[in-house]
Every structure is written in C-alpha cells, then in structure tokens.
Amino acid sequence: MEETQKPKKAVAISYEETAGAAPKVIAAGKGAIAEKIIETALEAGIHIQQDANLVELLSKVDIGEEIPVDLYQTVAEVLSFVYKVNNRFKEKVSRDSK
C-alpha cells in the first residue's frame, strides 16, 4: 500500500512586543499557498520552525486574529527559540564583518 503525502501546511505569526497584544496569525495555507508562505519567509530571512501539531492548531485561527490563550506558552517557547537563533546569527554576522 502506497502512502500518499499530505499537502504541506504553513502558518505565519507576527508579534510586536511594543503593541502589548498577543501574537497574530498573519498568513495560513496548505499546498501551493504553504509553499509561498515558506518561500516568502526564507527570502525575508525569517527562521522557519517546523511543528506539525502547532501548525494544525494555529491553522484554526482566523488570519488577523490573536492566538488563543491556550497556545500562549507553546508560541512563547517558539518565539524565544527564534529570537535566540536570530541574535546568534546577528552576532556571527557582526563578528564576520569586522
């Protein structure tokens, strides 16, 4: 029996610390739309975090809406990881350019 591959899914979130609000879902889709979301993020130098379970949960949030309270902890952990990766990258670029 052949396994059929599920279409790729992607969700993009945005968080502005100064706004004082929760992160918002700014894009979501599957298949070609997911590919475009991922491509756009990579072109912009945005780190991609792969978590199928989180994508499934976030894909139920309407675009432009804040994430639900029950996902705060999980999304906070992802954002913390992404900030650390971005800071390490910036430090490396800064050292390499000297």
N, C-alpha and C. Protein backbone atom coordinates (compact mmCIF):
# COMPACT_ATOMS: atom_id res chain seq x y z
N MET A 1 0.84 -1.18 0.00
CA MET A 1 0.00 0.00 0.00
C MET A 1 0.88 1.24 0.00
N GLU A 2 0.62 2.13 -0.93
CA GLU A 2 1.40 3.35 -1.04
C GLU A 2 0.85 4.44 -0.14
N GLU A 3 1.76 5.13 0.51
CA GLU A 3 1.36 6.22 1.39
C GLU A 3 1.28 7.50 0.58
N THR A 4 0.15 8.19 0.65
CA THR A 4 0.04 9.46 -0.05
C THR A 4 0.54 10.57 0.86
N GLN A 5 1.28 11.47 0.26
CA GLN A 5 1.86 12.56 1.04
C GLN A 5 0.80 13.64 1.25
N LYS A 6 0.66 14.07 2.50
CA LYS A 6 -0.28 15.14 2.82
C LYS A 6 0.27 16.45 2.27
N PRO A 7 -0.64 17.35 1.87
CA PRO A 7 -0.16 18.66 1.42
C PRO A 7 0.54 19.40 2.56
N LYS A 8 1.59 20.11 2.21
CA LYS A 8 2.32 20.89 3.21
C LYS A 8 1.41 21.99 3.74
N LYS A 9 1.52 22.27 5.04
CA LYS A 9 0.77 23.35 5.68
C LYS A 9 1.75 24.34 6.30
N ALA A 10 1.35 25.60 6.33
CA ALA A 10 2.19 26.62 6.95
C ALA A 10 1.31 27.70 7.57
N VAL A 11 1.79 28.23 8.68
CA VAL A 11 1.13 29.35 9.35
C VAL A 11 2.22 30.35 9.72
N ALA A 12 1.96 31.61 9.44
CA ALA A 12 2.90 32.68 9.81
C ALA A 12 2.26 33.50 10.92
N ILE A 13 3.08 33.80 11.92
CA ILE A 13 2.60 34.65 13.01
C ILE A 13 3.48 35.89 13.11
N SER A 14 2.91 36.92 13.67
CA SER A 14 3.63 38.17 13.87
C SER A 14 3.44 38.59 15.32
N TYR A 15 4.52 39.10 15.90
CA TYR A 15 4.44 39.56 17.28
C TYR A 15 5.22 40.85 17.42
N GLU A 16 4.56 41.86 17.93
CA GLU A 16 5.20 43.14 18.20
C GLU A 16 5.17 43.38 19.70
N GLU A 17 6.34 43.27 20.32
CA GLU A 17 6.42 43.44 21.78
C GLU A 17 5.83 44.76 22.25
N THR A 18 6.07 45.80 21.49
CA THR A 18 5.63 47.13 21.92
C THR A 18 4.11 47.30 21.84
N ALA A 19 3.44 46.46 21.08
CA ALA A 19 1.99 46.59 20.92
C ALA A 19 1.23 46.11 22.16
N GLY A 20 1.86 45.27 22.96
CA GLY A 20 1.23 44.76 24.17
C GLY A 20 0.12 43.75 23.92
N ALA A 21 0.03 43.27 22.71
CA ALA A 21 -1.00 42.29 22.36
C ALA A 21 -0.36 40.93 22.12
N ALA A 22 -1.19 39.93 22.01
CA ALA A 22 -0.71 38.57 21.72
C ALA A 22 -0.27 38.48 20.25
N PRO A 23 0.55 37.48 19.93
CA PRO A 23 0.90 37.26 18.53
C PRO A 23 -0.35 37.03 17.69
N LYS A 24 -0.26 37.42 16.42
CA LYS A 24 -1.38 37.26 15.50
C LYS A 24 -1.00 36.32 14.36
N VAL A 25 -1.98 35.60 13.86
CA VAL A 25 -1.79 34.81 12.65
C VAL A 25 -1.91 35.78 11.48
N ILE A 26 -0.86 35.83 10.65
CA ILE A 26 -0.88 36.77 9.54
C ILE A 26 -1.00 36.08 8.18
N ALA A 27 -0.79 34.76 8.15
CA ALA A 27 -0.95 34.00 6.91
C ALA A 27 -1.09 32.53 7.27
N ALA A 28 -1.86 31.82 6.47
CA ALA A 28 -2.02 30.39 6.68
C ALA A 28 -2.48 29.76 5.37
N GLY A 29 -2.05 28.53 5.15
CA GLY A 29 -2.49 27.84 3.95
C GLY A 29 -1.87 26.47 3.84
N LYS A 30 -2.30 25.75 2.81
CA LYS A 30 -1.72 24.44 2.54
C LYS A 30 -1.41 24.32 1.06
N GLY A 31 -0.60 23.35 0.73
CA GLY A 31 -0.22 23.15 -0.66
C GLY A 31 0.60 24.31 -1.20
N ALA A 32 0.18 24.84 -2.35
CA ALA A 32 0.92 25.92 -3.01
C ALA A 32 0.97 27.18 -2.15
N ILE A 33 -0.09 27.44 -1.41
CA ILE A 33 -0.10 28.63 -0.54
C ILE A 33 0.93 28.46 0.58
N ALA A 34 1.01 27.27 1.15
CA ALA A 34 2.01 27.00 2.19
C ALA A 34 3.41 27.16 1.64
N GLU A 35 3.64 26.66 0.44
CA GLU A 35 4.96 26.80 -0.20
C GLU A 35 5.32 28.27 -0.35
N LYS A 36 4.36 29.09 -0.74
CA LYS A 36 4.61 30.53 -0.93
C LYS A 36 4.90 31.21 0.40
N ILE A 37 4.17 30.83 1.45
CA ILE A 37 4.42 31.39 2.78
C ILE A 37 5.85 31.08 3.21
N ILE A 38 6.26 29.84 3.03
CA ILE A 38 7.61 29.40 3.41
C ILE A 38 8.66 30.12 2.57
N GLU A 39 8.43 30.18 1.26
CA GLU A 39 9.37 30.86 0.36
C GLU A 39 9.54 32.33 0.73
N THR A 40 8.43 32.99 1.01
CA THR A 40 8.46 34.41 1.39
C THR A 40 9.24 34.61 2.69
N ALA A 41 9.01 33.74 3.65
CA ALA A 41 9.72 33.83 4.93
C ALA A 41 11.22 33.64 4.73
N LEU A 42 11.60 32.63 3.97
CA LEU A 42 13.02 32.37 3.74
C LEU A 42 13.69 33.54 3.02
N GLU A 43 13.00 34.09 2.02
CA GLU A 43 13.56 35.24 1.30
C GLU A 43 13.76 36.44 2.22
N ALA A 44 12.90 36.56 3.23
CA ALA A 44 13.00 37.68 4.17
C ALA A 44 13.95 37.39 5.32
N GLY A 45 14.57 36.20 5.31
CA GLY A 45 15.50 35.84 6.38
C GLY A 45 14.81 35.46 7.67
N ILE A 46 13.56 35.05 7.58
CA ILE A 46 12.79 34.67 8.76
C ILE A 46 13.00 33.19 9.04
N HIS A 47 13.30 32.88 10.28
CA HIS A 47 13.52 31.49 10.68
C HIS A 47 12.21 30.70 10.58
N ILE A 48 12.31 29.48 10.08
CA ILE A 48 11.15 28.59 9.96
C ILE A 48 11.23 27.56 11.08
N GLN A 49 10.19 27.47 11.86
CA GLN A 49 10.09 26.46 12.93
C GLN A 49 9.09 25.41 12.46
N GLN A 50 9.51 24.16 12.39
CA GLN A 50 8.63 23.10 11.94
C GLN A 50 8.01 22.38 13.13
N ASP A 51 6.69 22.46 13.22
CA ASP A 51 5.95 21.79 14.29
C ASP A 51 4.54 21.52 13.76
N ALA A 52 4.33 20.31 13.26
CA ALA A 52 3.06 19.95 12.61
C ALA A 52 1.87 20.13 13.54
N ASN A 53 2.03 19.78 14.81
CA ASN A 53 0.92 19.92 15.75
C ASN A 53 0.55 21.38 15.98
N LEU A 54 1.56 22.22 16.13
CA LEU A 54 1.30 23.65 16.33
C LEU A 54 0.67 24.27 15.09
N VAL A 55 1.15 23.89 13.92
CA VAL A 55 0.56 24.40 12.67
C VAL A 55 -0.91 24.01 12.59
N GLU A 56 -1.21 22.79 12.96
CA GLU A 56 -2.60 22.33 12.93
C GLU A 56 -3.48 23.19 13.83
N LEU A 57 -2.99 23.49 15.03
CA LEU A 57 -3.76 24.32 15.96
C LEU A 57 -3.88 25.76 15.48
N LEU A 58 -2.76 26.32 15.01
CA LEU A 58 -2.77 27.71 14.57
C LEU A 58 -3.58 27.90 13.29
N SER A 59 -3.68 26.86 12.47
CA SER A 59 -4.43 26.99 11.22
C SER A 59 -5.92 27.17 11.46
N LYS A 60 -6.36 26.91 12.67
CA LYS A 60 -7.77 27.09 13.02
C LYS A 60 -8.08 28.53 13.45
N VAL A 61 -7.03 29.33 13.62
CA VAL A 61 -7.19 30.74 14.00
C VAL A 61 -7.36 31.56 12.72
N ASP A 62 -8.33 32.45 12.70
CA ASP A 62 -8.56 33.30 11.53
C ASP A 62 -7.38 34.24 11.33
N ILE A 63 -7.06 34.51 10.07
CA ILE A 63 -5.99 35.45 9.74
C ILE A 63 -6.34 36.83 10.30
N GLY A 64 -5.37 37.43 10.96
CA GLY A 64 -5.56 38.74 11.58
C GLY A 64 -5.98 38.66 13.04
N GLU A 65 -6.29 37.45 13.49
CA GLU A 65 -6.72 37.26 14.88
C GLU A 65 -5.53 36.89 15.77
N GLU A 66 -5.63 37.26 17.05
CA GLU A 66 -4.60 36.88 18.02
C GLU A 66 -4.71 35.38 18.29
N ILE A 67 -3.57 34.80 18.66
CA ILE A 67 -3.59 33.38 19.01
C ILE A 67 -4.39 33.19 20.29
N PRO A 68 -5.01 32.02 20.47
CA PRO A 68 -5.78 31.78 21.69
C PRO A 68 -4.87 31.63 22.92
N VAL A 69 -5.43 31.97 24.07
CA VAL A 69 -4.69 31.93 25.33
C VAL A 69 -4.05 30.56 25.56
N ASP A 70 -4.73 29.49 25.21
CA ASP A 70 -4.19 28.16 25.48
C ASP A 70 -2.95 27.84 24.64
N LEU A 71 -2.62 28.67 23.66
CA LEU A 71 -1.40 28.46 22.87
C LEU A 71 -0.28 29.43 23.25
N TYR A 72 -0.54 30.33 24.19
CA TYR A 72 0.48 31.32 24.59
C TYR A 72 1.81 30.66 24.95
N GLN A 73 1.79 29.67 25.82
CA GLN A 73 3.02 29.05 26.31
C GLN A 73 3.81 28.43 25.16
N THR A 74 3.12 27.67 24.33
CA THR A 74 3.80 27.00 23.21
C THR A 74 4.39 28.01 22.24
N VAL A 75 3.61 29.01 21.88
CA VAL A 75 4.10 30.03 20.94
C VAL A 75 5.22 30.84 21.58
N ALA A 76 5.14 31.11 22.87
CA ALA A 76 6.21 31.84 23.57
C ALA A 76 7.52 31.06 23.49
N GLU A 77 7.46 29.75 23.63
CA GLU A 77 8.66 28.92 23.54
C GLU A 77 9.25 28.98 22.13
N VAL A 78 8.40 28.94 21.12
CA VAL A 78 8.87 29.03 19.74
C VAL A 78 9.50 30.39 19.49
N LEU A 79 8.82 31.46 19.91
CA LEU A 79 9.37 32.80 19.71
C LEU A 79 10.69 32.99 20.44
N SER A 80 10.80 32.45 21.64
CA SER A 80 12.05 32.53 22.39
C SER A 80 13.18 31.86 21.63
N PHE A 81 12.90 30.69 21.08
CA PHE A 81 13.90 29.96 20.30
C PHE A 81 14.30 30.78 19.07
N VAL A 82 13.32 31.32 18.37
CA VAL A 82 13.59 32.10 17.16
C VAL A 82 14.42 33.34 17.49
N TYR A 83 14.09 34.05 18.57
CA TYR A 83 14.86 35.23 18.97
C TYR A 83 16.31 34.85 19.26
N LYS A 84 16.52 33.72 19.94
CA LYS A 84 17.89 33.28 20.25
C LYS A 84 18.66 32.98 18.97
N VAL A 85 18.02 32.27 18.04
CA VAL A 85 18.67 31.95 16.76
C VAL A 85 19.01 33.23 16.01
N ASN A 86 18.06 34.16 15.95
CA ASN A 86 18.31 35.42 15.25
C ASN A 86 19.44 36.21 15.88
N ASN A 87 19.49 36.27 17.21
CA ASN A 87 20.56 37.00 17.89
C ASN A 87 21.92 36.37 17.65
N ARG A 88 21.98 35.04 17.67
CA ARG A 88 23.25 34.36 17.38
C ARG A 88 23.71 34.66 15.96
N PHE A 89 22.76 34.66 15.03
CA PHE A 89 23.08 34.94 13.64
C PHE A 89 23.61 36.37 13.50
N LYS A 90 22.94 37.33 14.13
CA LYS A 90 23.37 38.72 14.06
C LYS A 90 24.76 38.89 14.65
N GLU A 91 25.04 38.21 15.78
CA GLU A 91 26.36 38.28 16.40
C GLU A 91 27.42 37.71 15.47
N LYS A 92 27.10 36.59 14.82
CA LYS A 92 28.05 35.96 13.91
C LYS A 92 28.33 36.88 12.72
N VAL A 93 27.29 37.46 12.15
CA VAL A 93 27.46 38.37 11.02
C VAL A 93 28.29 39.57 11.44
N SER A 94 28.04 40.09 12.63
CA SER A 94 28.78 41.24 13.14
C SER A 94 30.26 40.90 13.30
N ARG A 95 30.55 39.72 13.87
CA ARG A 95 31.95 39.29 14.05
C ARG A 95 32.63 39.07 12.71
N ASP A 96 31.91 38.45 11.77
CA ASP A 96 32.50 38.14 10.47
C ASP A 96 32.76 39.39 9.63
N SER A 97 32.02 40.45 9.88
CA SER A 97 32.19 41.67 9.08
C SER A 97 33.30 42.57 9.60
N LYS A 98 33.90 42.21 10.74
CA LYS A 98 34.97 43.04 11.32
C LYS A 98 36.30 42.69 10.73
